[in-house]
């Protein structure tokens, strides 16, 4: 079972959609690195970019890209609901290719959405 509930304003702007800063020059994790592990080296180098997104652009978090492909957000995995090129409703999330954390929330959401069968669910690379 997955239980979700508001826990207070985690971000300074409160309960509003997050504003994401898309970083195109700094890479959080490279293939065959350790982007899929909880290690300090995945977080320390992100502080400067996070600060830039907040101070210069008023954003809450960084959406990390790898060659313009979405990977994950600084504090969360990324799942996008959209209408795909074939006109079908789909939730898409980057694949577990070693550059993102294999989050339990990500896994649970994928499993639940596939069970509900309301729309397609895909784990594949995608550009913003």
N, C-alpha and C. Protein backbone atom coordinates (compact mmCIF):
# COMPACT_ATOMS: atom_id res chain seq x y z
N UNK A 1 0.84 -1.16 0.00
CA UNK A 1 0.00 0.00 0.00
C UNK A 1 0.90 1.24 0.00
N UNK A 2 0.48 2.25 -0.73
CA UNK A 2 1.17 3.53 -0.75
C UNK A 2 0.22 4.56 -0.17
N UNK A 3 0.62 5.24 0.87
CA UNK A 3 -0.18 6.31 1.48
C UNK A 3 0.52 7.63 1.22
N UNK A 4 -0.23 8.59 0.76
CA UNK A 4 0.36 9.90 0.49
C UNK A 4 -0.52 10.96 1.14
N UNK A 5 0.11 11.95 1.74
CA UNK A 5 -0.65 13.04 2.33
C UNK A 5 0.24 14.27 2.42
N UNK A 6 -0.37 15.46 2.40
CA UNK A 6 0.44 16.68 2.55
C UNK A 6 1.14 16.68 3.91
N UNK A 7 2.36 17.18 3.93
CA UNK A 7 3.12 17.24 5.18
C UNK A 7 3.56 18.66 5.49
N UNK A 8 2.93 19.63 4.90
CA UNK A 8 3.33 21.01 5.11
C UNK A 8 4.13 21.52 3.94
N UNK A 9 4.31 22.79 3.86
CA UNK A 9 5.03 23.35 2.71
C UNK A 9 6.53 23.01 2.76
N UNK A 10 6.90 22.00 2.02
CA UNK A 10 8.29 21.57 1.94
C UNK A 10 9.15 22.62 1.27
N UNK A 11 8.58 23.28 0.27
CA UNK A 11 9.29 24.33 -0.45
C UNK A 11 8.77 25.68 0.02
N UNK A 12 9.62 26.71 -0.03
CA UNK A 12 9.23 28.03 0.49
C UNK A 12 7.96 28.61 -0.14
N UNK A 13 7.67 28.27 -1.40
CA UNK A 13 6.49 28.84 -2.06
C UNK A 13 5.20 28.15 -1.63
N UNK A 14 5.28 27.07 -0.82
CA UNK A 14 4.08 26.41 -0.31
C UNK A 14 3.51 25.39 -1.27
N UNK A 15 2.19 25.16 -1.16
CA UNK A 15 1.50 24.14 -1.94
C UNK A 15 1.12 24.68 -3.32
N UNK A 16 2.07 24.75 -4.19
CA UNK A 16 1.86 25.18 -5.57
C UNK A 16 2.70 24.27 -6.46
N UNK A 17 2.38 24.19 -7.74
CA UNK A 17 3.24 23.39 -8.62
C UNK A 17 4.69 23.87 -8.57
N UNK A 18 5.59 22.93 -8.63
CA UNK A 18 7.01 23.27 -8.59
C UNK A 18 7.45 23.95 -9.87
N UNK A 19 8.34 24.91 -9.73
CA UNK A 19 9.00 25.51 -10.88
C UNK A 19 10.35 24.82 -11.00
N UNK A 20 10.64 24.27 -12.16
CA UNK A 20 11.87 23.53 -12.39
C UNK A 20 12.82 24.29 -13.29
N UNK A 21 14.07 24.35 -12.88
CA UNK A 21 15.14 24.94 -13.68
C UNK A 21 15.80 23.81 -14.46
N UNK A 22 15.81 23.91 -15.77
CA UNK A 22 16.41 22.88 -16.61
C UNK A 22 17.87 23.23 -16.87
N UNK A 23 18.74 22.48 -16.27
CA UNK A 23 20.18 22.72 -16.41
C UNK A 23 20.68 22.02 -17.67
N UNK A 24 21.35 22.80 -18.53
CA UNK A 24 21.83 22.23 -19.80
C UNK A 24 23.35 22.11 -19.87
N UNK A 25 24.08 22.66 -18.90
CA UNK A 25 25.54 22.63 -18.97
C UNK A 25 26.19 21.71 -17.94
N UNK A 26 25.57 21.55 -16.80
CA UNK A 26 26.11 20.71 -15.75
C UNK A 26 25.35 19.39 -15.75
N UNK A 27 26.06 18.28 -15.71
CA UNK A 27 25.43 16.95 -15.70
C UNK A 27 25.52 16.39 -14.29
N UNK A 28 24.39 15.92 -13.74
CA UNK A 28 24.37 15.35 -12.40
C UNK A 28 24.98 13.96 -12.38
N UNK A 29 24.67 13.16 -13.38
CA UNK A 29 25.16 11.78 -13.40
C UNK A 29 25.37 11.32 -14.83
N UNK A 30 26.49 10.65 -15.06
CA UNK A 30 26.84 10.11 -16.37
C UNK A 30 26.57 8.61 -16.41
N UNK A 31 26.25 8.08 -17.59
CA UNK A 31 26.10 6.62 -17.71
C UNK A 31 27.37 5.92 -17.22
N UNK A 32 27.18 4.79 -16.60
CA UNK A 32 28.24 3.95 -16.04
C UNK A 32 28.93 4.61 -14.85
N UNK A 33 28.29 5.64 -14.29
CA UNK A 33 28.78 6.27 -13.07
C UNK A 33 28.04 5.70 -11.88
N UNK A 34 27.71 6.56 -10.91
CA UNK A 34 26.98 6.08 -9.75
C UNK A 34 25.76 6.93 -9.46
N UNK A 35 25.12 7.42 -10.52
CA UNK A 35 23.90 8.21 -10.40
C UNK A 35 22.74 7.42 -9.84
N UNK A 36 22.86 6.10 -9.83
CA UNK A 36 21.79 5.26 -9.31
C UNK A 36 22.02 4.85 -7.86
N UNK A 37 22.96 5.53 -7.19
CA UNK A 37 23.30 5.19 -5.80
C UNK A 37 23.19 6.43 -4.92
N UNK A 38 22.84 6.19 -3.65
CA UNK A 38 22.78 7.28 -2.67
C UNK A 38 24.18 7.52 -2.13
N UNK A 39 24.94 8.36 -2.81
CA UNK A 39 26.28 8.71 -2.38
C UNK A 39 26.44 10.23 -2.42
N UNK A 40 27.27 10.76 -1.55
CA UNK A 40 27.45 12.20 -1.45
C UNK A 40 27.88 12.86 -2.73
N UNK A 41 28.64 12.15 -3.55
CA UNK A 41 29.12 12.73 -4.80
C UNK A 41 27.98 13.03 -5.78
N UNK A 42 26.80 12.46 -5.56
CA UNK A 42 25.65 12.78 -6.39
C UNK A 42 24.98 14.08 -5.97
N UNK A 43 25.28 14.56 -4.77
CA UNK A 43 24.56 15.70 -4.23
C UNK A 43 25.42 16.96 -4.09
N UNK A 44 26.63 16.82 -3.61
CA UNK A 44 27.50 17.98 -3.41
C UNK A 44 27.64 18.83 -4.66
N UNK A 45 27.95 18.23 -5.80
CA UNK A 45 28.13 19.04 -7.02
C UNK A 45 26.86 19.72 -7.53
N UNK A 46 25.71 19.36 -6.99
CA UNK A 46 24.45 19.94 -7.48
C UNK A 46 24.08 21.23 -6.75
N UNK A 47 24.74 21.53 -5.65
CA UNK A 47 24.34 22.66 -4.81
C UNK A 47 24.46 23.99 -5.56
N UNK A 48 25.53 24.20 -6.28
CA UNK A 48 25.73 25.45 -7.01
C UNK A 48 24.63 25.66 -8.06
N UNK A 49 24.29 24.62 -8.79
CA UNK A 49 23.26 24.72 -9.81
C UNK A 49 21.89 24.93 -9.18
N UNK A 50 21.61 24.24 -8.07
CA UNK A 50 20.35 24.43 -7.36
C UNK A 50 20.21 25.88 -6.91
N UNK A 51 21.27 26.42 -6.36
CA UNK A 51 21.26 27.81 -5.90
C UNK A 51 21.03 28.77 -7.08
N UNK A 52 21.66 28.49 -8.21
CA UNK A 52 21.47 29.33 -9.40
C UNK A 52 20.01 29.31 -9.84
N UNK A 53 19.41 28.13 -9.88
CA UNK A 53 18.01 28.01 -10.27
C UNK A 53 17.09 28.79 -9.35
N UNK A 54 17.39 28.75 -8.05
CA UNK A 54 16.56 29.47 -7.08
C UNK A 54 16.77 30.97 -7.17
N UNK A 55 18.02 31.40 -7.12
CA UNK A 55 18.32 32.83 -7.04
C UNK A 55 18.11 33.58 -8.35
N UNK A 56 18.50 32.98 -9.45
CA UNK A 56 18.42 33.70 -10.73
C UNK A 56 17.10 33.48 -11.47
N UNK A 57 16.42 32.36 -11.17
CA UNK A 57 15.23 32.03 -11.95
C UNK A 57 13.98 31.78 -11.10
N UNK A 58 14.12 31.86 -9.78
CA UNK A 58 12.96 31.65 -8.90
C UNK A 58 12.41 30.24 -8.94
N UNK A 59 13.26 29.27 -9.22
CA UNK A 59 12.81 27.88 -9.32
C UNK A 59 13.00 27.14 -8.00
N UNK A 60 12.19 26.09 -7.83
CA UNK A 60 12.23 25.29 -6.61
C UNK A 60 13.28 24.18 -6.67
N UNK A 61 13.45 23.61 -7.84
CA UNK A 61 14.34 22.47 -8.00
C UNK A 61 14.96 22.49 -9.39
N UNK A 62 15.93 21.60 -9.60
CA UNK A 62 16.59 21.46 -10.90
C UNK A 62 16.09 20.18 -11.56
N UNK A 63 15.69 20.30 -12.82
CA UNK A 63 15.42 19.12 -13.64
C UNK A 63 16.73 18.83 -14.36
N UNK A 64 17.37 17.75 -13.98
CA UNK A 64 18.68 17.41 -14.55
C UNK A 64 18.51 16.75 -15.90
N UNK A 65 19.31 17.20 -16.84
CA UNK A 65 19.28 16.69 -18.21
C UNK A 65 20.60 16.02 -18.53
N UNK A 66 20.56 15.12 -19.47
CA UNK A 66 21.76 14.50 -20.02
C UNK A 66 21.60 14.53 -21.53
N UNK A 67 22.32 15.42 -22.19
CA UNK A 67 22.19 15.63 -23.64
C UNK A 67 20.74 15.94 -24.01
N UNK A 68 20.11 16.81 -23.25
CA UNK A 68 18.72 17.25 -23.43
C UNK A 68 17.67 16.20 -23.06
N UNK A 69 18.08 15.02 -22.60
CA UNK A 69 17.13 14.02 -22.13
C UNK A 69 16.88 14.22 -20.64
N UNK A 70 15.62 14.16 -20.24
CA UNK A 70 15.25 14.30 -18.84
C UNK A 70 15.78 13.11 -18.05
N UNK A 71 16.28 13.37 -16.85
CA UNK A 71 16.72 12.28 -15.98
C UNK A 71 15.88 12.29 -14.71
N UNK A 72 16.19 13.20 -13.78
CA UNK A 72 15.38 13.30 -12.57
C UNK A 72 15.49 14.71 -12.02
N UNK A 73 14.68 14.97 -11.02
CA UNK A 73 14.68 16.25 -10.33
C UNK A 73 15.50 16.07 -9.06
N UNK A 74 16.07 17.15 -8.55
CA UNK A 74 16.96 17.06 -7.40
C UNK A 74 16.44 16.29 -6.21
N UNK A 75 15.17 16.43 -5.89
CA UNK A 75 14.63 15.75 -4.70
C UNK A 75 13.61 14.67 -5.04
N UNK A 76 13.50 14.30 -6.30
CA UNK A 76 12.44 13.35 -6.66
C UNK A 76 12.69 12.71 -8.02
N UNK A 77 12.09 11.56 -8.21
CA UNK A 77 12.05 10.96 -9.53
C UNK A 77 11.07 11.76 -10.38
N UNK A 78 11.08 11.54 -11.66
CA UNK A 78 10.27 12.31 -12.60
C UNK A 78 9.33 11.40 -13.37
N UNK A 79 8.05 11.70 -13.31
CA UNK A 79 7.03 11.03 -14.12
C UNK A 79 6.21 12.13 -14.78
N UNK A 80 6.03 12.05 -16.09
CA UNK A 80 5.31 13.08 -16.83
C UNK A 80 4.05 12.47 -17.45
N UNK A 81 2.92 13.16 -17.29
CA UNK A 81 1.67 12.76 -17.93
C UNK A 81 1.50 13.64 -19.16
N UNK A 82 1.33 13.01 -20.32
CA UNK A 82 1.24 13.77 -21.55
C UNK A 82 0.43 12.99 -22.59
N UNK A 83 0.19 13.63 -23.71
CA UNK A 83 -0.39 12.96 -24.87
C UNK A 83 0.78 12.70 -25.81
N UNK A 84 1.05 11.43 -26.09
CA UNK A 84 2.24 11.09 -26.87
C UNK A 84 2.04 11.35 -28.37
N UNK A 85 3.07 11.05 -29.15
CA UNK A 85 3.04 11.33 -30.59
C UNK A 85 1.93 10.59 -31.32
N UNK A 86 1.45 9.46 -30.75
CA UNK A 86 0.37 8.70 -31.36
C UNK A 86 -1.01 9.17 -30.89
N UNK A 87 -1.04 10.22 -30.04
CA UNK A 87 -2.31 10.75 -29.56
C UNK A 87 -2.86 10.02 -28.33
N UNK A 88 -2.07 9.15 -27.73
CA UNK A 88 -2.52 8.38 -26.56
C UNK A 88 -2.04 9.04 -25.27
N UNK A 89 -2.88 8.99 -24.24
CA UNK A 89 -2.45 9.45 -22.91
C UNK A 89 -1.39 8.50 -22.39
N UNK A 90 -0.35 9.07 -21.83
CA UNK A 90 0.77 8.25 -21.39
C UNK A 90 1.46 8.92 -20.20
N UNK A 91 1.94 8.10 -19.29
CA UNK A 91 2.87 8.56 -18.26
C UNK A 91 4.22 8.00 -18.65
N UNK A 92 5.19 8.89 -18.71
CA UNK A 92 6.52 8.49 -19.14
C UNK A 92 7.52 8.85 -18.04
N UNK A 93 8.49 7.98 -17.85
CA UNK A 93 9.55 8.22 -16.90
C UNK A 93 10.85 7.69 -17.49
N UNK A 94 11.97 8.33 -17.17
CA UNK A 94 13.24 7.84 -17.71
C UNK A 94 13.51 6.41 -17.26
N UNK A 95 14.23 5.66 -18.07
CA UNK A 95 14.53 4.27 -17.71
C UNK A 95 15.62 4.20 -16.63
N UNK A 96 15.68 3.08 -15.96
CA UNK A 96 16.74 2.84 -14.98
C UNK A 96 17.99 2.43 -15.76
N UNK A 97 18.74 3.44 -16.18
CA UNK A 97 19.93 3.20 -17.01
C UNK A 97 21.23 3.49 -16.26
N UNK A 98 21.12 3.63 -14.94
CA UNK A 98 22.30 3.91 -14.14
C UNK A 98 22.50 5.39 -13.82
N UNK A 99 21.66 6.26 -14.40
CA UNK A 99 21.83 7.69 -14.15
C UNK A 99 20.80 8.25 -13.17
N UNK A 100 19.81 7.45 -12.78
CA UNK A 100 18.80 7.92 -11.82
C UNK A 100 18.64 6.90 -10.70
N UNK A 101 18.12 7.41 -9.58
CA UNK A 101 17.87 6.52 -8.45
C UNK A 101 16.65 5.66 -8.71
N UNK A 102 16.74 4.38 -8.39
CA UNK A 102 15.58 3.49 -8.54
C UNK A 102 14.64 3.65 -7.34
N UNK A 103 13.94 4.77 -7.27
CA UNK A 103 13.11 5.10 -6.11
C UNK A 103 11.95 4.16 -5.89
N UNK A 104 11.63 3.94 -4.62
CA UNK A 104 10.50 3.09 -4.28
C UNK A 104 9.19 3.76 -4.68
N UNK A 105 9.11 5.08 -4.60
CA UNK A 105 7.90 5.78 -5.04
C UNK A 105 7.73 5.63 -6.55
N UNK A 106 8.80 5.76 -7.29
CA UNK A 106 8.77 5.58 -8.75
C UNK A 106 8.25 4.19 -9.08
N UNK A 107 8.84 3.19 -8.47
CA UNK A 107 8.45 1.80 -8.71
C UNK A 107 6.98 1.56 -8.35
N UNK A 108 6.56 2.08 -7.21
CA UNK A 108 5.18 1.90 -6.76
C UNK A 108 4.20 2.57 -7.72
N UNK A 109 4.53 3.79 -8.15
CA UNK A 109 3.64 4.50 -9.07
C UNK A 109 3.53 3.77 -10.41
N UNK A 110 4.63 3.29 -10.92
CA UNK A 110 4.59 2.55 -12.19
C UNK A 110 3.72 1.31 -12.04
N UNK A 111 3.92 0.56 -10.96
CA UNK A 111 3.12 -0.65 -10.73
C UNK A 111 1.63 -0.33 -10.62
N UNK A 112 1.29 0.68 -9.82
CA UNK A 112 -0.12 1.04 -9.64
C UNK A 112 -0.75 1.50 -10.95
N UNK A 113 -0.05 2.37 -11.68
CA UNK A 113 -0.62 2.88 -12.93
C UNK A 113 -0.81 1.77 -13.96
N UNK A 114 0.10 0.83 -14.00
CA UNK A 114 -0.07 -0.29 -14.93
C UNK A 114 -1.25 -1.17 -14.51
N UNK A 115 -1.42 -1.34 -13.22
CA UNK A 115 -2.55 -2.12 -12.71
C UNK A 115 -3.88 -1.42 -13.01
N UNK A 116 -3.93 -0.11 -12.85
CA UNK A 116 -5.15 0.65 -13.12
C UNK A 116 -5.49 0.66 -14.60
N UNK A 117 -4.49 0.59 -15.48
CA UNK A 117 -4.68 0.52 -16.92
C UNK A 117 -5.54 1.66 -17.48
N UNK A 118 -5.35 2.87 -16.94
CA UNK A 118 -6.09 4.03 -17.44
C UNK A 118 -5.40 4.70 -18.62
N UNK A 119 -4.10 4.52 -18.72
CA UNK A 119 -3.32 5.09 -19.81
C UNK A 119 -2.02 4.30 -19.92
N UNK A 120 -1.31 4.53 -21.00
CA UNK A 120 -0.05 3.84 -21.21
C UNK A 120 0.99 4.32 -20.19
N UNK A 121 1.89 3.42 -19.81
CA UNK A 121 2.99 3.75 -18.92
C UNK A 121 4.27 3.30 -19.60
N UNK A 122 5.22 4.22 -19.76
CA UNK A 122 6.45 3.89 -20.48
C UNK A 122 7.68 4.32 -19.67
N UNK A 123 8.69 3.47 -19.71
CA UNK A 123 9.99 3.79 -19.17
C UNK A 123 10.94 3.86 -20.35
N UNK A 124 11.22 5.09 -20.80
CA UNK A 124 12.06 5.28 -21.97
C UNK A 124 12.64 6.68 -21.95
N UNK A 125 13.74 6.88 -22.65
CA UNK A 125 14.33 8.21 -22.71
C UNK A 125 13.38 9.20 -23.41
N UNK A 126 13.38 10.43 -22.92
CA UNK A 126 12.59 11.47 -23.58
C UNK A 126 13.24 12.83 -23.35
N UNK A 127 13.07 13.69 -24.33
CA UNK A 127 13.59 15.05 -24.25
C UNK A 127 12.48 15.99 -23.78
N UNK A 128 12.90 17.09 -23.18
CA UNK A 128 11.90 18.06 -22.74
C UNK A 128 11.46 18.90 -23.92
